[in-house]
Amino acid sequence: MIDARRLLLAAALLAAPLFPAAPAEARGGVSFGVGIGTGYPYYPAYPYDPFPYAYSVPVVPAVPYVAPYPAYAPPARPLGQACYAGAYICPLERAAPAGDACACPARGGQSAWGRVGG
C-alpha cells in the first residue's frame, strides 16, 4: 500500500508541471458564494454598437457623368431702353416712353435720329 502511494505521488509530481501548460477556459458567470452559478457566462452590455467587421463597397457609377454643353444664347441686350436709329443703336441716358423720338451719335459728329425701343 505504501508503494502504491509513493508511485501515485511520484506520478502526480511528475505530471504537475504539465497542468498549467494546458489551455485555460475563461469562465464567467454569476456565483452566489456557495458554488452555485447560473450556468452561462455573464458579460456586460457594450455602451455603443460593436465595430463592423466589414464595410460595404461604395456604389460607383460605371460611366462618370459628363455635363452637357450649354446651349447657344445670343449676346445679352443692354439693360434699360435703347435708341434704334437705322444702323446705330445706343443706350438712352434717361427713361423715355417707347416710340418717342431719340438720337444716336453718328460719324463725323452728326446725330442719327430714331425711335425708342421697348
N, C-alpha and C. Protein backbone atom coordinates (compact mmCIF):
# COMPACT_ATOMS: atom_id res chain seq x y z
N MET A 1 0.82 -1.18 0.00
CA MET A 1 0.00 0.00 0.00
C MET A 1 0.87 1.25 0.00
N ILE A 2 1.94 1.25 0.71
CA ILE A 2 2.83 2.40 0.76
C ILE A 2 3.50 2.57 -0.58
N ASP A 3 3.83 1.47 -1.25
CA ASP A 3 4.46 1.57 -2.57
C ASP A 3 3.48 2.19 -3.59
N ALA A 4 2.22 1.87 -3.48
CA ALA A 4 1.23 2.43 -4.39
C ALA A 4 1.08 3.94 -4.16
N ARG A 5 1.12 4.33 -2.88
CA ARG A 5 1.04 5.75 -2.58
C ARG A 5 2.26 6.50 -3.12
N ARG A 6 3.42 5.92 -2.93
CA ARG A 6 4.64 6.55 -3.42
C ARG A 6 4.62 6.64 -4.95
N LEU A 7 4.15 5.61 -5.58
CA LEU A 7 4.08 5.61 -7.03
C LEU A 7 3.07 6.68 -7.51
N LEU A 8 1.92 6.77 -6.86
CA LEU A 8 0.92 7.79 -7.21
C LEU A 8 1.45 9.19 -6.93
N LEU A 9 2.13 9.41 -5.84
CA LEU A 9 2.72 10.70 -5.51
C LEU A 9 3.79 11.08 -6.52
N ALA A 10 4.62 10.14 -6.91
CA ALA A 10 5.68 10.41 -7.89
C ALA A 10 5.06 10.76 -9.25
N ALA A 11 4.02 10.05 -9.64
CA ALA A 11 3.36 10.34 -10.92
C ALA A 11 2.70 11.72 -10.88
N ALA A 12 2.09 12.07 -9.75
CA ALA A 12 1.44 13.37 -9.62
C ALA A 12 2.47 14.50 -9.66
N LEU A 13 3.62 14.31 -9.01
CA LEU A 13 4.66 15.34 -9.02
C LEU A 13 5.28 15.50 -10.40
N LEU A 14 5.41 14.39 -11.13
CA LEU A 14 5.95 14.49 -12.48
C LEU A 14 4.94 15.13 -13.46
N ALA A 15 3.68 14.93 -13.23
CA ALA A 15 2.66 15.46 -14.13
C ALA A 15 2.26 16.89 -13.75
N ALA A 16 2.61 17.35 -12.55
CA ALA A 16 2.19 18.68 -12.08
C ALA A 16 2.67 19.81 -13.00
N PRO A 17 3.89 19.80 -13.52
CA PRO A 17 4.29 20.90 -14.40
C PRO A 17 3.50 20.93 -15.71
N LEU A 18 2.87 19.86 -16.10
CA LEU A 18 2.13 19.83 -17.36
C LEU A 18 0.75 20.47 -17.25
N PHE A 19 0.17 20.55 -16.08
CA PHE A 19 -1.19 21.08 -15.93
C PHE A 19 -1.30 22.58 -16.27
N PRO A 20 -0.38 23.46 -15.85
CA PRO A 20 -0.52 24.86 -16.23
C PRO A 20 -0.33 25.09 -17.73
N ALA A 21 0.31 24.17 -18.44
CA ALA A 21 0.54 24.32 -19.87
C ALA A 21 -0.73 24.05 -20.68
N ALA A 22 -1.73 23.44 -20.09
CA ALA A 22 -2.98 23.17 -20.81
C ALA A 22 -3.75 24.46 -21.01
N PRO A 23 -4.51 24.58 -22.11
CA PRO A 23 -5.27 25.82 -22.33
C PRO A 23 -6.34 26.01 -21.26
N ALA A 24 -6.47 27.23 -20.81
CA ALA A 24 -7.44 27.53 -19.76
C ALA A 24 -8.70 28.12 -20.40
N GLU A 25 -9.83 27.81 -19.82
CA GLU A 25 -11.09 28.35 -20.29
C GLU A 25 -11.46 29.53 -19.40
N ALA A 26 -11.94 30.57 -20.03
CA ALA A 26 -12.41 31.71 -19.26
C ALA A 26 -13.84 31.39 -18.82
N ARG A 27 -14.05 31.41 -17.56
CA ARG A 27 -15.37 31.09 -17.04
C ARG A 27 -15.92 32.31 -16.33
N GLY A 28 -16.92 32.88 -16.94
CA GLY A 28 -17.59 34.00 -16.31
C GLY A 28 -18.91 33.50 -15.76
N GLY A 29 -19.63 34.37 -15.19
CA GLY A 29 -20.92 33.97 -14.68
C GLY A 29 -21.19 34.61 -13.34
N VAL A 30 -22.33 34.34 -12.83
CA VAL A 30 -22.73 34.88 -11.55
C VAL A 30 -22.72 33.75 -10.54
N SER A 31 -22.04 33.97 -9.44
CA SER A 31 -21.97 32.95 -8.41
C SER A 31 -22.58 33.52 -7.13
N PHE A 32 -23.17 32.65 -6.36
CA PHE A 32 -23.82 33.08 -5.12
C PHE A 32 -22.98 32.76 -3.88
N GLY A 33 -21.70 32.48 -4.08
CA GLY A 33 -20.80 32.28 -2.96
C GLY A 33 -20.70 30.85 -2.47
N VAL A 34 -21.57 29.97 -2.90
CA VAL A 34 -21.50 28.58 -2.45
C VAL A 34 -21.25 27.64 -3.62
N GLY A 35 -20.85 28.22 -4.77
CA GLY A 35 -20.51 27.38 -5.90
C GLY A 35 -21.68 27.09 -6.82
N ILE A 36 -22.82 27.71 -6.58
CA ILE A 36 -23.97 27.51 -7.45
C ILE A 36 -24.00 28.69 -8.41
N GLY A 37 -23.77 28.46 -9.68
CA GLY A 37 -23.74 29.54 -10.66
C GLY A 37 -24.95 29.48 -11.56
N THR A 38 -25.03 30.41 -12.46
CA THR A 38 -26.16 30.46 -13.39
C THR A 38 -25.98 29.49 -14.55
N GLY A 39 -24.77 29.06 -14.82
CA GLY A 39 -24.54 28.10 -15.87
C GLY A 39 -24.12 28.72 -17.19
N TYR A 40 -24.29 30.01 -17.37
CA TYR A 40 -23.84 30.66 -18.59
C TYR A 40 -23.02 31.89 -18.19
N PRO A 41 -22.04 32.23 -19.01
CA PRO A 41 -21.21 33.39 -18.67
C PRO A 41 -22.01 34.69 -18.79
N TYR A 42 -21.74 35.61 -17.94
CA TYR A 42 -22.39 36.91 -17.95
C TYR A 42 -21.39 37.95 -18.40
N TYR A 43 -21.70 38.65 -19.48
CA TYR A 43 -20.86 39.72 -19.97
C TYR A 43 -21.68 41.01 -19.97
N PRO A 44 -21.12 42.10 -19.50
CA PRO A 44 -21.89 43.35 -19.50
C PRO A 44 -22.13 43.83 -20.93
N ALA A 45 -23.20 44.56 -21.14
CA ALA A 45 -23.54 45.06 -22.47
C ALA A 45 -22.58 46.17 -22.88
N TYR A 46 -22.33 46.29 -24.17
CA TYR A 46 -21.48 47.36 -24.66
C TYR A 46 -22.24 48.68 -24.59
N PRO A 47 -21.56 49.77 -24.25
CA PRO A 47 -22.25 51.07 -24.23
C PRO A 47 -22.47 51.65 -25.63
N TYR A 48 -21.93 51.03 -26.67
CA TYR A 48 -22.08 51.51 -28.04
C TYR A 48 -22.17 50.31 -28.97
N ASP A 49 -22.50 50.56 -30.23
CA ASP A 49 -22.59 49.48 -31.20
C ASP A 49 -21.23 48.86 -31.44
N PRO A 50 -21.17 47.57 -31.67
CA PRO A 50 -19.88 46.95 -31.93
C PRO A 50 -19.30 47.40 -33.27
N PHE A 51 -18.02 47.29 -33.42
CA PHE A 51 -17.32 47.68 -34.64
C PHE A 51 -17.74 46.75 -35.77
N PRO A 52 -18.08 47.29 -36.94
CA PRO A 52 -18.47 46.42 -38.05
C PRO A 52 -17.26 45.65 -38.57
N TYR A 53 -17.47 44.42 -38.92
CA TYR A 53 -16.36 43.58 -39.38
C TYR A 53 -16.00 43.89 -40.83
N ALA A 54 -16.94 44.39 -41.60
CA ALA A 54 -16.66 44.74 -42.99
C ALA A 54 -17.56 45.89 -43.40
N TYR A 55 -17.02 46.76 -44.22
CA TYR A 55 -17.80 47.86 -44.75
C TYR A 55 -18.28 47.49 -46.14
N SER A 56 -19.45 47.99 -46.51
CA SER A 56 -19.95 47.70 -47.85
C SER A 56 -19.17 48.52 -48.87
N VAL A 57 -19.12 48.02 -50.08
CA VAL A 57 -18.40 48.68 -51.15
C VAL A 57 -19.21 49.88 -51.62
N PRO A 58 -18.60 51.06 -51.75
CA PRO A 58 -19.37 52.22 -52.20
C PRO A 58 -19.84 52.03 -53.64
N VAL A 59 -21.02 52.56 -53.93
CA VAL A 59 -21.59 52.43 -55.26
C VAL A 59 -20.96 53.49 -56.15
N VAL A 60 -20.31 53.05 -57.23
CA VAL A 60 -19.66 53.95 -58.17
C VAL A 60 -20.33 53.75 -59.52
N PRO A 61 -20.78 54.81 -60.17
CA PRO A 61 -21.40 54.62 -61.48
C PRO A 61 -20.40 54.08 -62.49
N ALA A 62 -20.88 53.25 -63.42
CA ALA A 62 -20.00 52.65 -64.41
C ALA A 62 -19.41 53.70 -65.33
N VAL A 63 -20.20 54.69 -65.74
CA VAL A 63 -19.73 55.76 -66.62
C VAL A 63 -19.85 57.07 -65.85
N PRO A 64 -18.77 57.82 -65.72
CA PRO A 64 -18.88 59.09 -64.99
C PRO A 64 -19.80 60.06 -65.73
N TYR A 65 -20.46 60.87 -64.98
CA TYR A 65 -21.41 61.84 -65.53
C TYR A 65 -20.66 62.98 -66.19
N VAL A 66 -21.02 63.28 -67.43
CA VAL A 66 -20.44 64.41 -68.15
C VAL A 66 -21.56 65.41 -68.40
N ALA A 67 -21.38 66.61 -67.95
CA ALA A 67 -22.39 67.64 -68.11
C ALA A 67 -22.53 68.02 -69.58
N PRO A 68 -23.74 68.24 -70.05
CA PRO A 68 -23.91 68.63 -71.45
C PRO A 68 -23.38 70.03 -71.70
N TYR A 69 -23.07 70.31 -72.97
CA TYR A 69 -22.61 71.65 -73.32
C TYR A 69 -23.76 72.63 -73.17
N PRO A 70 -23.48 73.85 -72.74
CA PRO A 70 -24.58 74.82 -72.64
C PRO A 70 -25.07 75.21 -74.03
N ALA A 71 -26.35 75.47 -74.13
CA ALA A 71 -26.94 75.86 -75.41
C ALA A 71 -26.46 77.26 -75.80
N TYR A 72 -26.44 77.51 -77.10
CA TYR A 72 -26.02 78.83 -77.59
C TYR A 72 -27.07 79.87 -77.22
N ALA A 73 -26.62 80.96 -76.71
CA ALA A 73 -27.51 82.08 -76.40
C ALA A 73 -26.92 83.33 -77.03
N PRO A 74 -27.74 84.13 -77.68
CA PRO A 74 -27.21 85.36 -78.27
C PRO A 74 -26.72 86.31 -77.18
N PRO A 75 -25.86 87.22 -77.52
CA PRO A 75 -25.36 88.17 -76.51
C PRO A 75 -26.52 88.94 -75.88
N ALA A 76 -26.36 89.22 -74.63
CA ALA A 76 -27.43 89.91 -73.90
C ALA A 76 -27.56 91.36 -74.36
N ARG A 77 -28.79 91.82 -74.41
CA ARG A 77 -29.03 93.22 -74.75
C ARG A 77 -28.69 94.09 -73.55
N PRO A 78 -28.30 95.29 -73.80
CA PRO A 78 -28.03 96.17 -72.66
C PRO A 78 -29.31 96.42 -71.87
N LEU A 79 -29.17 96.49 -70.58
CA LEU A 79 -30.33 96.71 -69.73
C LEU A 79 -30.86 98.13 -69.92
N GLY A 80 -32.12 98.30 -69.76
CA GLY A 80 -32.72 99.62 -69.92
C GLY A 80 -33.21 99.81 -71.35
N GLN A 81 -33.50 101.04 -71.71
CA GLN A 81 -34.03 101.34 -73.04
C GLN A 81 -32.90 101.68 -73.99
N ALA A 82 -33.19 101.50 -75.30
CA ALA A 82 -32.20 101.81 -76.33
C ALA A 82 -32.86 102.60 -77.44
N CYS A 83 -32.04 103.38 -78.12
CA CYS A 83 -32.50 104.17 -79.26
C CYS A 83 -32.07 103.44 -80.53
N TYR A 84 -33.04 103.13 -81.38
CA TYR A 84 -32.77 102.44 -82.64
C TYR A 84 -32.85 103.47 -83.77
N ALA A 85 -31.67 103.85 -84.28
CA ALA A 85 -31.59 104.88 -85.32
C ALA A 85 -30.91 104.27 -86.55
N GLY A 86 -31.67 103.54 -87.34
CA GLY A 86 -31.11 102.93 -88.56
C GLY A 86 -30.04 101.90 -88.20
N ALA A 87 -28.78 102.14 -88.66
CA ALA A 87 -27.68 101.22 -88.40
C ALA A 87 -27.06 101.44 -87.01
N TYR A 88 -27.55 102.47 -86.29
CA TYR A 88 -26.98 102.78 -84.97
C TYR A 88 -27.96 102.40 -83.86
N ILE A 89 -27.40 101.82 -82.82
CA ILE A 89 -28.18 101.51 -81.62
C ILE A 89 -27.37 102.02 -80.44
N CYS A 90 -28.00 102.85 -79.61
CA CYS A 90 -27.28 103.38 -78.46
C CYS A 90 -28.20 103.38 -77.23
N PRO A 91 -27.62 103.27 -76.03
CA PRO A 91 -28.46 103.31 -74.82
C PRO A 91 -28.93 104.73 -74.55
N LEU A 92 -30.08 104.86 -73.92
CA LEU A 92 -30.61 106.17 -73.56
C LEU A 92 -30.04 106.61 -72.23
N GLU A 93 -29.82 107.91 -72.10
CA GLU A 93 -29.30 108.45 -70.85
C GLU A 93 -30.39 108.57 -69.79
N ARG A 94 -31.64 108.81 -70.25
CA ARG A 94 -32.75 108.89 -69.30
C ARG A 94 -33.95 108.17 -69.90
N ALA A 95 -34.86 107.76 -69.06
CA ALA A 95 -36.02 106.99 -69.49
C ALA A 95 -36.93 107.82 -70.38
N ALA A 96 -37.51 107.16 -71.40
CA ALA A 96 -38.43 107.82 -72.32
C ALA A 96 -39.49 106.81 -72.72
N PRO A 97 -40.67 107.26 -73.07
CA PRO A 97 -41.70 106.30 -73.48
C PRO A 97 -41.35 105.64 -74.80
N ALA A 98 -41.78 104.37 -74.96
CA ALA A 98 -41.48 103.62 -76.18
C ALA A 98 -42.10 104.31 -77.39
N GLY A 99 -41.35 104.39 -78.50
CA GLY A 99 -41.84 105.01 -79.73
C GLY A 99 -41.52 106.49 -79.82
N ASP A 100 -40.98 107.09 -78.78
CA ASP A 100 -40.63 108.51 -78.78
C ASP A 100 -39.38 108.72 -79.64
N ALA A 101 -39.17 109.94 -80.11
CA ALA A 101 -38.00 110.25 -80.94
C ALA A 101 -36.76 110.33 -80.07
N CYS A 102 -35.64 109.89 -80.66
CA CYS A 102 -34.35 109.94 -79.96
C CYS A 102 -33.24 110.07 -81.00
N ALA A 103 -32.02 110.32 -80.54
CA ALA A 103 -30.90 110.48 -81.46
C ALA A 103 -29.69 109.71 -80.93
N CYS A 104 -28.92 109.16 -81.86
CA CYS A 104 -27.66 108.47 -81.52
C CYS A 104 -26.52 109.22 -82.19
N PRO A 105 -25.34 109.30 -81.55
CA PRO A 105 -24.21 109.94 -82.22
C PRO A 105 -23.78 109.10 -83.42
N ALA A 106 -23.48 109.76 -84.52
CA ALA A 106 -23.06 109.08 -85.74
C ALA A 106 -21.67 109.58 -86.14
N ARG A 107 -21.19 109.17 -87.32
CA ARG A 107 -19.87 109.57 -87.79
C ARG A 107 -19.82 111.07 -88.08
N GLY A 108 -18.66 111.59 -87.86
CA GLY A 108 -18.45 113.00 -88.19
C GLY A 108 -19.15 113.95 -87.23
N GLY A 109 -19.53 113.47 -86.00
CA GLY A 109 -20.15 114.33 -85.00
C GLY A 109 -21.61 114.63 -85.29
N GLN A 110 -22.21 113.98 -86.26
CA GLN A 110 -23.61 114.20 -86.58
C GLN A 110 -24.49 113.33 -85.69
N SER A 111 -25.77 113.54 -85.73
CA SER A 111 -26.73 112.73 -84.97
C SER A 111 -27.59 111.94 -85.93
N ALA A 112 -27.87 110.70 -85.57
CA ALA A 112 -28.78 109.84 -86.34
C ALA A 112 -30.05 109.74 -85.55
N TRP A 113 -31.17 110.14 -86.16
CA TRP A 113 -32.45 110.16 -85.45
C TRP A 113 -33.13 108.81 -85.58
N GLY A 114 -33.84 108.42 -84.48
CA GLY A 114 -34.52 107.15 -84.49
C GLY A 114 -35.66 107.13 -83.50
N ARG A 115 -36.08 105.94 -83.08
CA ARG A 115 -37.19 105.77 -82.15
C ARG A 115 -36.72 104.96 -80.94
N VAL A 116 -37.34 105.20 -79.79
CA VAL A 116 -37.04 104.47 -78.54
C VAL A 116 -37.67 103.08 -78.64
N GLY A 117 -36.87 102.09 -78.39
CA GLY A 117 -37.38 100.70 -78.40
C GLY A 117 -37.81 100.29 -77.01
N GLY A 118 -38.70 99.29 -76.91
CA GLY A 118 -39.24 98.84 -75.62
C GLY A 118 -38.46 97.79 -75.05
